[in-house]
All heavy atoms as atom14 arrays in JSON, in Angstrom:
{
  "sequence": "RVNKLGDNQIKVGQRLTIWNAPFTIEIIKEDNRLYLNLDGT",
  "atom14_mask": [
    [1, 1, 1, 1, 1, 1, 1, 1, 1, 1, 1, 0, 0, 0],
    [1, 1, 1, 1, 1, 1, 1, 0, 0, 0, 0, 0, 0, 0],
    [1, 1, 1, 1, 1, 1, 1, 1, 0, 0, 0, 0, 0, 0],
    [1, 1, 1, 1, 1, 1, 1, 1, 1, 0, 0, 0, 0, 0],
    [1, 1, 1, 1, 1, 1, 1, 1, 0, 0, 0, 0, 0, 0],
    [1, 1, 1, 1, 0, 0, 0, 0, 0, 0, 0, 0, 0, 0],
    [1, 1, 1, 1, 1, 1, 1, 1, 0, 0, 0, 0, 0, 0],
    [1, 1, 1, 1, 1, 1, 1, 1, 0, 0, 0, 0, 0, 0],
    [1, 1, 1, 1, 1, 1, 1, 1, 1, 0, 0, 0, 0, 0],
    [1, 1, 1, 1, 1, 1, 1, 1, 0, 0, 0, 0, 0, 0],
    [1, 1, 1, 1, 1, 1, 1, 1, 1, 0, 0, 0, 0, 0],
    [1, 1, 1, 1, 1, 1, 1, 0, 0, 0, 0, 0, 0, 0],
    [1, 1, 1, 1, 0, 0, 0, 0, 0, 0, 0, 0, 0, 0],
    [1, 1, 1, 1, 1, 1, 1, 1, 1, 0, 0, 0, 0, 0],
    [1, 1, 1, 1, 1, 1, 1, 1, 1, 1, 1, 0, 0, 0],
    [1, 1, 1, 1, 1, 1, 1, 1, 0, 0, 0, 0, 0, 0],
    [1, 1, 1, 1, 1, 1, 1, 0, 0, 0, 0, 0, 0, 0],
    [1, 1, 1, 1, 1, 1, 1, 1, 0, 0, 0, 0, 0, 0],
    [1, 1, 1, 1, 1, 1, 1, 1, 1, 1, 1, 1, 1, 1],
    [1, 1, 1, 1, 1, 1, 1, 1, 0, 0, 0, 0, 0, 0],
    [1, 1, 1, 1, 1, 0, 0, 0, 0, 0, 0, 0, 0, 0],
    [1, 1, 1, 1, 1, 1, 1, 0, 0, 0, 0, 0, 0, 0],
    [1, 1, 1, 1, 1, 1, 1, 1, 1, 1, 1, 0, 0, 0],
    [1, 1, 1, 1, 1, 1, 1, 0, 0, 0, 0, 0, 0, 0],
    [1, 1, 1, 1, 1, 1, 1, 1, 0, 0, 0, 0, 0, 0],
    [1, 1, 1, 1, 1, 1, 1, 1, 1, 0, 0, 0, 0, 0],
    [1, 1, 1, 1, 1, 1, 1, 1, 0, 0, 0, 0, 0, 0],
    [1, 1, 1, 1, 1, 1, 1, 1, 0, 0, 0, 0, 0, 0],
    [1, 1, 1, 1, 1, 1, 1, 1, 1, 0, 0, 0, 0, 0],
    [1, 1, 1, 1, 1, 1, 1, 1, 1, 0, 0, 0, 0, 0],
    [1, 1, 1, 1, 1, 1, 1, 1, 0, 0, 0, 0, 0, 0],
    [1, 1, 1, 1, 1, 1, 1, 1, 0, 0, 0, 0, 0, 0],
    [1, 1, 1, 1, 1, 1, 1, 1, 1, 1, 1, 0, 0, 0],
    [1, 1, 1, 1, 1, 1, 1, 1, 0, 0, 0, 0, 0, 0],
    [1, 1, 1, 1, 1, 1, 1, 1, 1, 1, 1, 1, 0, 0],
    [1, 1, 1, 1, 1, 1, 1, 1, 0, 0, 0, 0, 0, 0],
    [1, 1, 1, 1, 1, 1, 1, 1, 0, 0, 0, 0, 0, 0],
    [1, 1, 1, 1, 1, 1, 1, 1, 0, 0, 0, 0, 0, 0],
    [1, 1, 1, 1, 1, 1, 1, 1, 0, 0, 0, 0, 0, 0],
    [1, 1, 1, 1, 0, 0, 0, 0, 0, 0, 0, 0, 0, 0],
    [1, 1, 1, 1, 1, 1, 1, 0, 0, 0, 0, 0, 0, 0]
  ],
  "atom14_positions": [
    [[14.66, -3.1, -5.63], [14.61, -3.92, -4.37], [15.58, -3.38, -3.42], [15.14, -3.23, -2.24], [14.95, -5.3, -4.81], [15.09, -6.21, -3.61], [15.37, -7.77, -3.98], [15.47, -8.5, -2.83], [15.63, -9.8, -2.93], [15.72, -10.43, -4.11], [15.84, -10.53, -1.83], [0.0, 0.0, 0.0], [0.0, 0.0, 0.0], [0.0, 0.0, 0.0]],
    [[16.84, -3.05, -3.67], [17.82, -2.73, -2.76], [17.42, -1.33, -2.22], [17.74, -1.1, -0.95], [19.2, -2.59, -3.44], [20.17, -1.89, -2.57], [19.68, -4.02, -3.87], [0.0, 0.0, 0.0], [0.0, 0.0, 0.0], [0.0, 0.0, 0.0], [0.0, 0.0, 0.0], [0.0, 0.0, 0.0], [0.0, 0.0, 0.0], [0.0, 0.0, 0.0]],
    [[16.82, -0.42, -2.87], [16.49, 0.86, -2.43], [15.05, 1.06, -1.96], [14.54, 2.12, -1.67], [16.77, 1.95, -3.57], [18.25, 2.0, -3.8], [18.99, 2.67, -3.13], [18.77, 1.32, -4.95], [0.0, 0.0, 0.0], [0.0, 0.0, 0.0], [0.0, 0.0, 0.0], [0.0, 0.0, 0.0], [0.0, 0.0, 0.0], [0.0, 0.0, 0.0]],
    [[14.38, -0.02, -1.87], [13.03, -0.1, -1.41], [12.04, 0.92, -2.1], [11.43, 1.79, -1.57], [12.87, 0.13, 0.05], [11.65, -0.29, 0.82], [11.65, -0.06, 2.3], [10.35, -0.61, 2.9], [10.36, -0.34, 4.39], [0.0, 0.0, 0.0], [0.0, 0.0, 0.0], [0.0, 0.0, 0.0], [0.0, 0.0, 0.0], [0.0, 0.0, 0.0]],
    [[12.16, 0.81, -3.5], [11.39, 1.81, -4.25], [10.08, 0.99, -4.73], [10.16, 0.02, -5.36], [12.15, 2.25, -5.47], [13.44, 2.95, -5.15], [14.2, 3.28, -6.44], [13.25, 4.19, -4.44], [0.0, 0.0, 0.0], [0.0, 0.0, 0.0], [0.0, 0.0, 0.0], [0.0, 0.0, 0.0], [0.0, 0.0, 0.0], [0.0, 0.0, 0.0]],
    [[8.92, 1.68, -4.48], [7.65, 1.13, -4.84], [7.27, 1.34, -6.3], [6.43, 0.58, -6.85], [0.0, 0.0, 0.0], [0.0, 0.0, 0.0], [0.0, 0.0, 0.0], [0.0, 0.0, 0.0], [0.0, 0.0, 0.0], [0.0, 0.0, 0.0], [0.0, 0.0, 0.0], [0.0, 0.0, 0.0], [0.0, 0.0, 0.0], [0.0, 0.0, 0.0]],
    [[7.98, 2.35, -6.96], [7.63, 2.64, -8.35], [8.96, 3.04, -8.9], [10.07, 3.07, -8.45], [6.6, 3.65, -8.39], [6.74, 4.89, -7.69], [7.98, 5.33, -7.64], [5.84, 5.5, -7.19], [0.0, 0.0, 0.0], [0.0, 0.0, 0.0], [0.0, 0.0, 0.0], [0.0, 0.0, 0.0], [0.0, 0.0, 0.0], [0.0, 0.0, 0.0]],
    [[8.84, 3.7, -10.13], [10.07, 4.07, -10.84], [10.38, 5.56, -10.74], [11.3, 6.09, -11.43], [9.92, 3.81, -12.41], [9.84, 2.35, -12.69], [10.11, 1.53, -11.84], [9.49, 1.98, -13.87], [0.0, 0.0, 0.0], [0.0, 0.0, 0.0], [0.0, 0.0, 0.0], [0.0, 0.0, 0.0], [0.0, 0.0, 0.0], [0.0, 0.0, 0.0]],
    [[9.74, 6.22, -9.72], [9.9, 7.67, -9.52], [11.2, 7.96, -8.7], [11.36, 7.37, -7.64], [8.66, 8.31, -8.93], [7.45, 8.08, -9.64], [7.5, 8.79, -10.99], [7.89, 9.89, -11.13], [7.19, 7.96, -11.98], [0.0, 0.0, 0.0], [0.0, 0.0, 0.0], [0.0, 0.0, 0.0], [0.0, 0.0, 0.0], [0.0, 0.0, 0.0]],
    [[12.1, 8.78, -9.3], [13.2, 9.36, -8.52], [13.4, 10.81, -8.74], [12.72, 11.39, -9.57], [14.57, 8.56, -9.07], [14.63, 8.73, -10.58], [14.61, 7.13, -8.62], [15.9, 8.11, -11.15], [0.0, 0.0, 0.0], [0.0, 0.0, 0.0], [0.0, 0.0, 0.0], [0.0, 0.0, 0.0], [0.0, 0.0, 0.0], [0.0, 0.0, 0.0]],
    [[14.28, 11.44, -7.87], [14.35, 12.82, -7.97], [15.77, 13.24, -7.9], [16.6, 12.49, -7.46], [13.57, 13.62, -6.98], [14.07, 13.1, -5.44], [13.22, 13.79, -4.43], [13.65, 13.32, -2.94], [12.72, 13.85, -1.92], [0.0, 0.0, 0.0], [0.0, 0.0, 0.0], [0.0, 0.0, 0.0], [0.0, 0.0, 0.0], [0.0, 0.0, 0.0]],
    [[16.11, 14.41, -8.64], [17.53, 14.92, -8.62], [18.02, 15.02, -7.26], [17.44, 15.57, -6.33], [17.56, 16.27, -9.36], [18.95, 16.77, -9.3], [17.12, 16.01, -10.83], [0.0, 0.0, 0.0], [0.0, 0.0, 0.0], [0.0, 0.0, 0.0], [0.0, 0.0, 0.0], [0.0, 0.0, 0.0], [0.0, 0.0, 0.0], [0.0, 0.0, 0.0]],
    [[19.24, 14.49, -7.14], [19.96, 14.57, -5.77], [19.63, 13.37, -4.88], [20.41, 13.24, -3.81], [0.0, 0.0, 0.0], [0.0, 0.0, 0.0], [0.0, 0.0, 0.0], [0.0, 0.0, 0.0], [0.0, 0.0, 0.0], [0.0, 0.0, 0.0], [0.0, 0.0, 0.0], [0.0, 0.0, 0.0], [0.0, 0.0, 0.0], [0.0, 0.0, 0.0]],
    [[18.78, 12.51, -5.18], [18.5, 11.38, -4.39], [19.68, 10.44, -4.5], [20.33, 10.27, -5.6], [17.3, 10.6, -4.99], [16.69, 9.36, -4.21], [15.46, 8.85, -4.68], [14.75, 9.6, -5.45], [15.04, 7.7, -4.3], [0.0, 0.0, 0.0], [0.0, 0.0, 0.0], [0.0, 0.0, 0.0], [0.0, 0.0, 0.0], [0.0, 0.0, 0.0]],
    [[20.07, 9.81, -3.35], [21.15, 8.89, -3.38], [20.57, 7.37, -3.44], [19.78, 7.07, -2.61], [22.03, 9.12, -2.11], [22.72, 10.51, -2.13], [23.28, 10.89, -0.82], [24.37, 10.08, -0.39], [25.54, 10.26, -0.72], [25.96, 11.25, -1.53], [26.57, 9.48, -0.37], [0.0, 0.0, 0.0], [0.0, 0.0, 0.0], [0.0, 0.0, 0.0]],
    [[21.16, 6.66, -4.32], [20.74, 5.22, -4.5], [22.01, 4.33, -4.31], [23.11, 4.67, -4.79], [20.16, 5.11, -5.91], [18.93, 5.93, -6.3], [18.7, 5.72, -7.74], [17.78, 5.58, -5.42], [0.0, 0.0, 0.0], [0.0, 0.0, 0.0], [0.0, 0.0, 0.0], [0.0, 0.0, 0.0], [0.0, 0.0, 0.0], [0.0, 0.0, 0.0]],
    [[21.73, 3.22, -3.7], [22.74, 2.17, -3.7], [22.56, 1.22, -4.87], [21.48, 0.64, -5.13], [22.55, 1.31, -2.39], [22.48, 2.07, -1.25], [23.6, 0.25, -2.3], [0.0, 0.0, 0.0], [0.0, 0.0, 0.0], [0.0, 0.0, 0.0], [0.0, 0.0, 0.0], [0.0, 0.0, 0.0], [0.0, 0.0, 0.0], [0.0, 0.0, 0.0]],
    [[23.7, 1.2, -5.56], [23.7, 0.52, -6.97], [24.67, -0.66, -7.0], [25.86, -0.37, -6.9], [23.99, 1.46, -8.17], [23.01, 2.74, -8.09], [23.83, 0.8, -9.49], [21.54, 2.4, -8.3], [0.0, 0.0, 0.0], [0.0, 0.0, 0.0], [0.0, 0.0, 0.0], [0.0, 0.0, 0.0], [0.0, 0.0, 0.0], [0.0, 0.0, 0.0]],
    [[24.15, -1.81, -7.18], [25.05, -2.99, -7.3], [25.73, -2.95, -8.76], [24.99, -2.65, -9.75], [24.21, -4.32, -7.14], [25.12, -5.59, -7.31], [25.44, -6.26, -8.28], [25.71, -6.13, -6.1], [26.15, -7.3, -8.01], [26.45, -7.32, -6.65], [25.82, -5.83, -4.81], [27.21, -8.05, -5.93], [26.56, -6.78, -4.01], [27.26, -7.82, -4.52]],
    [[27.06, -2.99, -8.82], [27.66, -2.91, -10.11], [28.74, -4.06, -10.37], [29.57, -3.91, -11.29], [28.3, -1.48, -10.31], [29.39, -1.31, -9.34], [29.69, -2.15, -8.38], [30.12, -0.23, -9.52], [0.0, 0.0, 0.0], [0.0, 0.0, 0.0], [0.0, 0.0, 0.0], [0.0, 0.0, 0.0], [0.0, 0.0, 0.0], [0.0, 0.0, 0.0]],
    [[28.62, -5.16, -9.61], [29.53, -6.2, -9.83], [28.85, -7.32, -10.74], [27.71, -7.67, -10.47], [29.95, -6.8, -8.55], [0.0, 0.0, 0.0], [0.0, 0.0, 0.0], [0.0, 0.0, 0.0], [0.0, 0.0, 0.0], [0.0, 0.0, 0.0], [0.0, 0.0, 0.0], [0.0, 0.0, 0.0], [0.0, 0.0, 0.0], [0.0, 0.0, 0.0]],
    [[29.54, -7.87, -11.75], [28.83, -8.83, -12.62], [28.69, -10.18, -11.94], [29.6, -10.67, -11.24], [29.8, -8.84, -13.86], [31.21, -8.51, -13.26], [30.88, -7.53, -12.17], [0.0, 0.0, 0.0], [0.0, 0.0, 0.0], [0.0, 0.0, 0.0], [0.0, 0.0, 0.0], [0.0, 0.0, 0.0], [0.0, 0.0, 0.0], [0.0, 0.0, 0.0]],
    [[27.54, -10.75, -12.23], [27.35, -12.19, -11.81], [27.58, -13.08, -12.98], [27.56, -12.68, -14.12], [25.88, -12.4, -11.42], [25.33, -11.71, -10.13], [24.59, -10.52, -10.37], [25.77, -11.99, -8.95], [24.17, -9.8, -9.22], [25.46, -11.31, -7.79], [24.5, -10.2, -8.05], [0.0, 0.0, 0.0], [0.0, 0.0, 0.0], [0.0, 0.0, 0.0]],
    [[27.85, -14.39, -12.75], [27.93, -15.36, -13.77], [26.93, -16.47, -13.32], [26.75, -16.75, -12.11], [29.29, -15.88, -14.06], [29.81, -16.39, -12.87], [30.21, -14.87, -14.57], [0.0, 0.0, 0.0], [0.0, 0.0, 0.0], [0.0, 0.0, 0.0], [0.0, 0.0, 0.0], [0.0, 0.0, 0.0], [0.0, 0.0, 0.0], [0.0, 0.0, 0.0]],
    [[26.42, -17.22, -14.34], [25.5, -18.37, -14.03], [26.28, -19.67, -14.47], [26.83, -19.62, -15.62], [24.16, -18.23, -14.77], [23.45, -16.98, -14.19], [23.42, -19.53, -14.71], [22.15, -16.7, -15.0], [0.0, 0.0, 0.0], [0.0, 0.0, 0.0], [0.0, 0.0, 0.0], [0.0, 0.0, 0.0], [0.0, 0.0, 0.0], [0.0, 0.0, 0.0]],
    [[26.32, -20.61, -13.63], [26.73, -21.99, -14.04], [25.71, -22.94, -13.86], [25.06, -23.08, -12.73], [28.04, -22.32, -13.14], [28.74, -23.59, -13.63], [29.95, -23.84, -12.67], [30.13, -23.17, -11.73], [30.73, -24.74, -13.07], [0.0, 0.0, 0.0], [0.0, 0.0, 0.0], [0.0, 0.0, 0.0], [0.0, 0.0, 0.0], [0.0, 0.0, 0.0]],
    [[25.49, -23.83, -14.83], [24.53, -24.93, -14.81], [25.21, -26.2, -14.99], [25.81, -26.39, -15.96], [23.36, -24.68, -15.91], [22.72, -23.25, -15.63], [22.4, -25.75, -15.9], [21.97, -22.72, -16.79], [0.0, 0.0, 0.0], [0.0, 0.0, 0.0], [0.0, 0.0, 0.0], [0.0, 0.0, 0.0], [0.0, 0.0, 0.0], [0.0, 0.0, 0.0]],
    [[25.0, -27.07, -14.04], [25.54, -28.44, -14.11], [24.4, -29.43, -14.45], [23.62, -29.6, -13.59], [26.16, -28.83, -12.74], [27.22, -27.81, -12.34], [26.86, -30.19, -13.04], [28.3, -27.65, -13.34], [0.0, 0.0, 0.0], [0.0, 0.0, 0.0], [0.0, 0.0, 0.0], [0.0, 0.0, 0.0], [0.0, 0.0, 0.0], [0.0, 0.0, 0.0]],
    [[24.28, -30.01, -15.73], [23.28, -30.78, -16.11], [23.12, -32.09, -15.27], [22.13, -32.51, -15.0], [23.36, -31.12, -17.55], [23.24, -29.87, -18.56], [23.03, -30.31, -19.92], [24.09, -31.14, -20.53], [23.78, -31.48, -21.89], [0.0, 0.0, 0.0], [0.0, 0.0, 0.0], [0.0, 0.0, 0.0], [0.0, 0.0, 0.0], [0.0, 0.0, 0.0]],
    [[24.3, -32.66, -14.98], [24.3, -33.98, -14.22], [23.5, -33.9, -12.88], [22.85, -34.8, -12.5], [25.73, -34.48, -14.06], [25.77, -35.71, -13.4], [27.29, -36.22, -13.17], [28.18, -35.51, -13.49], [27.43, -37.4, -12.69], [0.0, 0.0, 0.0], [0.0, 0.0, 0.0], [0.0, 0.0, 0.0], [0.0, 0.0, 0.0], [0.0, 0.0, 0.0]],
    [[23.72, -32.66, -12.24], [23.13, -32.42, -10.97], [21.87, -31.79, -10.98], [21.12, -31.61, -9.95], [24.04, -31.69, -9.99], [25.37, -32.44, -9.79], [25.39, -33.67, -9.88], [26.35, -31.73, -9.55], [0.0, 0.0, 0.0], [0.0, 0.0, 0.0], [0.0, 0.0, 0.0], [0.0, 0.0, 0.0], [0.0, 0.0, 0.0], [0.0, 0.0, 0.0]],
    [[21.46, -31.15, -12.24], [20.31, -30.34, -12.3], [20.31, -29.31, -11.24], [19.35, -29.02, -10.46], [19.0, -31.1, -12.22], [18.54, -31.83, -13.5], [18.74, -31.15, -14.63], [18.29, -33.08, -13.53], [0.0, 0.0, 0.0], [0.0, 0.0, 0.0], [0.0, 0.0, 0.0], [0.0, 0.0, 0.0], [0.0, 0.0, 0.0], [0.0, 0.0, 0.0]],
    [[21.4, -28.56, -11.19], [21.59, -27.35, -10.35], [22.05, -26.16, -11.14], [22.85, -26.28, -12.14], [22.68, -27.7, -9.38], [22.36, -28.91, -8.36], [21.29, -28.48, -7.36], [20.95, -29.56, -6.55], [21.45, -29.84, -5.28], [22.44, -28.94, -4.95], [21.31, -30.87, -4.58], [0.0, 0.0, 0.0], [0.0, 0.0, 0.0], [0.0, 0.0, 0.0]],
    [[21.59, -24.97, -10.66], [22.08, -23.72, -11.22], [22.7, -22.91, -10.11], [22.22, -22.83, -9.03], [20.93, -22.95, -11.78], [21.21, -21.59, -12.41], [20.23, -21.25, -13.57], [21.3, -20.42, -11.43], [0.0, 0.0, 0.0], [0.0, 0.0, 0.0], [0.0, 0.0, 0.0], [0.0, 0.0, 0.0], [0.0, 0.0, 0.0], [0.0, 0.0, 0.0]],
    [[24.01, -22.48, -10.41], [24.76, -21.65, -9.41], [24.92, -20.24, -9.77], [25.31, -20.04, -10.93], [26.21, -22.4, -9.22], [26.13, -23.71, -8.89], [26.02, -24.77, -9.73], [25.96, -24.14, -7.53], [25.99, -26.14, -9.39], [25.88, -25.45, -7.11], [25.94, -26.46, -8.06], [25.78, -27.77, -7.68], [0.0, 0.0, 0.0], [0.0, 0.0, 0.0]],
    [[24.55, -19.28, -8.98], [24.82, -17.96, -9.21], [26.06, -17.61, -8.54], [26.34, -17.7, -7.37], [23.67, -17.16, -8.51], [23.87, -15.56, -8.75], [23.62, -15.13, -10.15], [22.81, -14.8, -7.89], [0.0, 0.0, 0.0], [0.0, 0.0, 0.0], [0.0, 0.0, 0.0], [0.0, 0.0, 0.0], [0.0, 0.0, 0.0], [0.0, 0.0, 0.0]],
    [[27.11, -17.06, -9.38], [28.51, -16.9, -8.87], [28.83, -15.37, -8.89], [28.39, -14.67, -9.81], [29.49, -17.7, -9.86], [29.26, -19.23, -9.77], [28.84, -19.75, -8.66], [29.61, -19.9, -10.75], [0.0, 0.0, 0.0], [0.0, 0.0, 0.0], [0.0, 0.0, 0.0], [0.0, 0.0, 0.0], [0.0, 0.0, 0.0], [0.0, 0.0, 0.0]],
    [[29.58, -15.08, -7.95], [30.16, -13.73, -7.84], [31.71, -13.86, -7.51], [32.07, -14.51, -6.55], [29.42, -12.9, -6.69], [30.07, -11.61, -6.34], [29.82, -10.61, -7.57], [29.33, -11.11, -5.2], [0.0, 0.0, 0.0], [0.0, 0.0, 0.0], [0.0, 0.0, 0.0], [0.0, 0.0, 0.0], [0.0, 0.0, 0.0], [0.0, 0.0, 0.0]],
    [[32.46, -13.24, -8.32], [33.89, -13.42, -8.17], [34.52, -14.86, -8.1], [35.36, -15.21, -7.38], [34.41, -12.75, -6.86], [34.26, -11.24, -6.91], [34.05, -10.6, -7.87], [34.19, -10.68, -5.71], [0.0, 0.0, 0.0], [0.0, 0.0, 0.0], [0.0, 0.0, 0.0], [0.0, 0.0, 0.0], [0.0, 0.0, 0.0], [0.0, 0.0, 0.0]],
    [[33.77, -15.69, -8.96], [34.21, -17.03, -9.0], [33.7, -17.96, -7.87], [33.99, -19.09, -7.8], [0.0, 0.0, 0.0], [0.0, 0.0, 0.0], [0.0, 0.0, 0.0], [0.0, 0.0, 0.0], [0.0, 0.0, 0.0], [0.0, 0.0, 0.0], [0.0, 0.0, 0.0], [0.0, 0.0, 0.0], [0.0, 0.0, 0.0], [0.0, 0.0, 0.0]],
    [[32.81, -17.36, -6.96], [32.25, -18.03, -5.8], [30.77, -18.18, -5.86], [30.17, -17.11, -6.18], [32.83, -17.27, -4.48], [34.18, -17.27, -4.47], [32.23, -17.99, -3.3], [0.0, 0.0, 0.0], [0.0, 0.0, 0.0], [0.0, 0.0, 0.0], [0.0, 0.0, 0.0], [0.0, 0.0, 0.0], [0.0, 0.0, 0.0], [0.0, 0.0, 0.0]]
  ]
}
């Protein structure tokens, strides 16, 4: 998605933007909400 690739084909030397920060998921049952968190935010 980030690199706008229509298929899985890549070539040597190609430069790709790669997300490498971990997400966490928080689910609050009382509110029936799911939160996608990054760096605690």
